[in-house]
Amino acid sequence: MTKDDLRKELLERRRRLTPGEVADASRRISERFFGAVDLASIRVLHTFIRIAKFNELDTSMIYMRLWRDRPQITTAAPRIDHATGEMDAVIFDETTVLVKDRWGIRESSDGEVISPTEIDIVLVPMLGFDRLGHRVGYGKGFYDRFLTQTAPGCLKIGLCHWGPQDTPIETHPADIPLDLCITPDAVFHPERTPVEANDWSN
């Protein structure tokens, strides 16, 4: 199956989810995130802000808990320039007013932009992923371009409604693989070769 065909299939699968299913998946993923990720040395975490009409996972359960329990961690979110195809990381917190852009994406319109090299964790949205950590997104390439600018030690964590695809996802040279994938049911550590990938630990 081509990546475009898989994207269409997964978009339709996600479209059929109920609000209750999305909320439950988001809660369970948040719990797994805090159980699996060592935040002791994290200074900056970048998270997407969900687009509710697309049934995206709700990351507010993660960033609001950080605001409450780990105020020393700075949170940032995307601001996309649709003309250039580039994405900035903009600092936001509980006082930030989020406004919708022309595509319906909630963003901070006046927050401070932070360099991608300062980010320690990026929470990456996706429709699906495979056992090598390759993902299916919306096909615009915003995150792949952004992730190339992060520091080598930045942890790239994908959040997904369901587990990995059984077959490898079609990739392109510009695709950036994930370091960790979290679903409602498991935490996956992608390997970098097909042989190793058959023996994931959850």
Protein backbone atom coordinates (compact mmCIF):
# COMPACT_ATOMS: atom_id res chain seq x y z
CA MET A 1 0.00 0.00 0.00
CA THR A 2 1.34 3.44 -0.87
CA LYS A 3 1.73 6.05 1.84
CA ASP A 4 -1.04 8.15 0.32
CA ASP A 5 -3.44 5.20 0.32
CA LEU A 6 -2.53 4.35 3.91
CA ARG A 7 -3.05 7.98 4.92
CA LYS A 8 -6.57 7.95 3.47
CA GLU A 9 -7.38 4.68 5.20
CA LEU A 10 -6.15 5.91 8.58
CA LEU A 11 -7.90 9.26 8.26
CA GLU A 12 -11.17 7.43 7.68
CA ARG A 13 -10.49 5.07 10.58
CA ARG A 14 -9.85 8.01 12.88
CA ARG A 15 -12.88 9.89 11.59
CA ARG A 16 -15.09 7.05 12.83
CA LEU A 17 -13.89 7.38 16.44
CA THR A 18 -16.36 8.79 18.93
CA PRO A 19 -15.49 11.77 21.20
CA GLY A 20 -15.51 9.36 24.13
CA GLU A 21 -13.01 7.05 22.44
CA VAL A 22 -10.70 9.97 21.67
CA ALA A 23 -10.90 11.25 25.25
CA ASP A 24 -10.17 7.79 26.68
CA ALA A 25 -7.23 7.24 24.34
CA SER A 26 -5.82 10.67 25.23
CA ARG A 27 -6.06 9.96 28.96
CA ARG A 28 -4.35 6.59 28.67
CA ILE A 29 -1.58 7.97 26.47
CA SER A 30 -0.95 10.75 28.97
CA GLU A 31 -0.60 8.19 31.76
CA ARG A 32 1.81 6.11 29.70
CA PHE A 33 3.85 9.19 28.78
CA PHE A 34 4.45 10.12 32.41
CA GLY A 35 5.19 6.52 33.28
CA ALA A 36 7.69 5.99 30.47
CA VAL A 37 9.55 9.28 30.01
CA ASP A 38 12.19 10.52 32.46
CA LEU A 39 11.55 14.25 32.79
CA ALA A 40 14.24 14.97 35.38
CA SER A 41 16.60 16.72 32.97
CA ILE A 42 14.01 18.09 30.52
CA ARG A 43 13.99 21.86 30.09
CA VAL A 44 11.78 22.38 27.02
CA LEU A 45 8.96 20.21 25.68
CA HIS A 46 7.27 20.94 22.37
CA THR A 47 3.73 19.63 21.92
CA PHE A 48 1.11 19.82 19.22
CA ILE A 49 -2.28 21.24 20.18
CA ARG A 50 -5.09 19.03 18.96
CA ILE A 51 -7.46 19.84 16.12
CA ALA A 52 -10.67 18.49 17.64
CA LYS A 53 -12.62 18.25 14.39
CA PHE A 54 -10.00 15.80 13.06
CA ASN A 55 -10.25 13.59 16.18
CA GLU A 56 -6.62 14.28 17.06
CA LEU A 57 -5.40 13.17 20.46
CA ASP A 58 -5.78 15.70 23.26
CA THR A 59 -2.33 16.63 24.57
CA SER A 60 -3.70 19.06 27.16
CA MET A 61 -3.63 16.24 29.71
CA ILE A 62 0.14 16.24 29.28
CA TYR A 63 0.98 19.91 29.13
CA MET A 64 -1.47 20.95 31.87
CA ARG A 65 0.06 18.36 34.19
CA LEU A 66 3.49 19.73 33.38
CA TRP A 67 2.32 23.24 34.25
CA ARG A 68 1.01 21.95 37.57
CA ASP A 69 3.70 19.48 38.62
CA ARG A 70 6.84 20.55 36.71
CA PRO A 71 6.74 24.31 36.23
CA GLN A 72 10.48 24.30 35.54
CA ILE A 73 9.75 22.73 32.14
CA THR A 74 8.99 25.25 29.41
CA THR A 75 6.25 24.20 27.00
CA ALA A 76 6.16 25.24 23.36
CA ALA A 77 3.68 24.62 20.55
CA PRO A 78 3.74 24.95 16.75
CA ARG A 79 3.02 28.07 14.76
CA ILE A 80 2.89 27.27 11.06
CA ASP A 81 3.65 29.57 8.17
CA HIS A 82 1.56 28.04 5.40
CA ALA A 83 3.19 30.26 2.79
CA THR A 84 6.72 29.00 3.47
CA GLY A 85 5.90 25.58 4.86
CA GLU A 86 7.98 26.28 7.95
CA MET A 87 7.01 25.75 11.59
CA ASP A 88 8.12 27.82 14.58
CA ALA A 89 8.15 26.70 18.22
CA VAL A 90 6.29 29.28 20.31
CA ILE A 91 6.35 29.26 24.12
CA PHE A 92 2.95 28.99 25.77
CA ASP A 93 1.56 28.42 29.26
CA GLU A 94 -1.71 28.64 31.17
CA THR A 95 -1.94 32.39 30.54
CA THR A 96 -1.55 32.12 26.76
CA VAL A 97 -4.52 32.95 24.57
CA LEU A 98 -4.74 30.55 21.64
CA VAL A 99 -6.34 31.74 18.41
CA LYS A 100 -7.36 29.73 15.36
CA ASP A 101 -5.50 30.30 12.12
CA ARG A 102 -7.28 30.14 8.76
CA TRP A 103 -7.00 26.36 8.82
CA GLY A 104 -8.64 26.04 12.23
CA ILE A 105 -5.38 25.27 14.05
CA ARG A 106 -5.07 26.85 17.50
CA GLU A 107 -1.84 28.80 17.93
CA SER A 108 -0.28 31.43 20.12
CA SER A 109 -0.23 34.57 17.99
CA ASP A 110 2.26 36.56 20.03
CA GLY A 111 4.36 34.11 22.07
CA GLU A 112 8.15 34.06 22.17
CA VAL A 113 9.75 31.91 19.47
CA ILE A 114 12.30 29.43 20.76
CA SER A 115 15.06 27.77 18.73
CA PRO A 116 14.47 24.10 17.86
CA THR A 117 17.98 23.38 19.17
CA GLU A 118 16.78 24.20 22.71
CA ILE A 119 14.01 21.60 22.68
CA ASP A 120 14.51 18.34 24.58
CA ILE A 121 11.26 16.54 23.64
CA VAL A 122 8.93 16.91 20.68
CA LEU A 123 5.50 15.28 20.84
CA VAL A 124 4.70 14.41 17.23
CA PRO A 125 1.16 13.92 15.87
CA MET A 126 0.55 11.08 13.45
CA LEU A 127 -2.03 8.89 11.82
CA GLY A 128 0.02 5.71 12.06
CA PHE A 129 3.53 4.29 12.39
CA ASP A 130 5.50 1.13 11.71
CA ARG A 131 7.92 -1.00 13.71
CA LEU A 132 10.91 1.06 12.55
CA GLY A 133 9.46 4.30 13.91
CA HIS A 134 8.42 5.75 10.57
CA ARG A 135 5.18 7.69 10.69
CA VAL A 136 2.26 8.68 8.50
CA GLY A 137 1.26 12.32 8.95
CA TYR A 138 -0.86 14.64 6.86
CA GLY A 139 1.76 14.72 4.12
CA LYS A 140 2.74 18.38 4.39
CA GLY A 141 6.19 17.75 5.87
CA PHE A 142 6.00 20.41 8.59
CA TYR A 143 7.30 18.14 11.33
CA ASP A 144 9.99 16.45 9.24
CA ARG A 145 11.46 19.84 8.33
CA PHE A 146 11.18 21.01 11.94
CA LEU A 147 12.78 17.89 13.41
CA THR A 148 15.86 18.26 11.21
CA GLN A 149 16.57 21.50 13.11
CA THR A 150 16.46 19.96 16.60
CA ALA A 151 19.58 18.92 18.52
CA PRO A 152 20.82 15.32 18.13
CA GLY A 153 19.67 14.39 21.64
CA CYS A 154 16.12 15.65 21.20
CA LEU A 155 13.62 12.88 21.97
CA LYS A 156 11.03 12.53 19.21
CA ILE A 157 7.89 10.91 20.61
CA GLY A 158 4.94 10.00 18.41
CA LEU A 159 1.44 9.73 19.88
CA CYS A 160 -1.04 7.50 18.09
CA HIS A 161 -4.52 6.06 18.58
CA TRP A 162 -3.39 2.55 17.65
CA GLY A 163 -0.40 0.24 17.38
CA PRO A 164 2.10 -0.16 14.53
CA GLN A 165 1.35 -1.20 10.98
CA ASP A 166 2.27 -4.79 10.17
CA THR A 167 4.31 -3.80 7.12
CA PRO A 168 6.93 -1.03 6.77
CA ILE A 169 5.62 2.38 5.77
CA GLU A 170 6.85 3.88 2.51
CA THR A 171 9.57 6.44 3.32
CA HIS A 172 11.36 9.31 1.65
CA PRO A 173 14.86 10.68 2.31
CA ALA A 174 13.43 13.67 4.20
CA ASP A 175 11.43 11.52 6.66
CA ILE A 176 12.64 11.61 10.27
CA PRO A 177 12.05 8.42 12.32
CA LEU A 178 10.69 8.54 15.86
CA ASP A 179 12.54 7.53 19.02
CA LEU A 180 9.43 6.42 20.91
CA CYS A 181 5.78 5.74 20.02
CA ILE A 182 3.03 5.84 22.63
CA THR A 183 -0.44 4.39 22.12
CA PRO A 184 -3.27 3.86 24.63
CA ASP A 185 -2.10 0.26 25.11
CA ALA A 186 1.69 0.30 24.91
CA VAL A 187 4.95 2.19 24.66
CA PHE A 188 7.00 1.14 21.63
CA HIS A 189 10.74 1.54 21.19
CA PRO A 190 11.42 1.43 17.45
CA GLU A 191 14.51 -0.36 16.24
CA ARG A 192 16.52 0.73 13.26
CA THR A 193 16.72 -2.54 11.32
CA PRO A 194 13.87 -4.86 10.28
CA VAL A 195 15.42 -7.84 12.12
CA GLU A 196 15.68 -6.00 15.44
CA ALA A 197 12.27 -4.44 14.95
CA ASN A 198 10.58 -7.82 15.23
CA ASP A 199 11.41 -7.93 18.92
CA TRP A 200 9.91 -4.80 20.41
CA SER A 201 9.48 -4.38 24.13
CA ASN A 202 6.23 -2.81 25.30
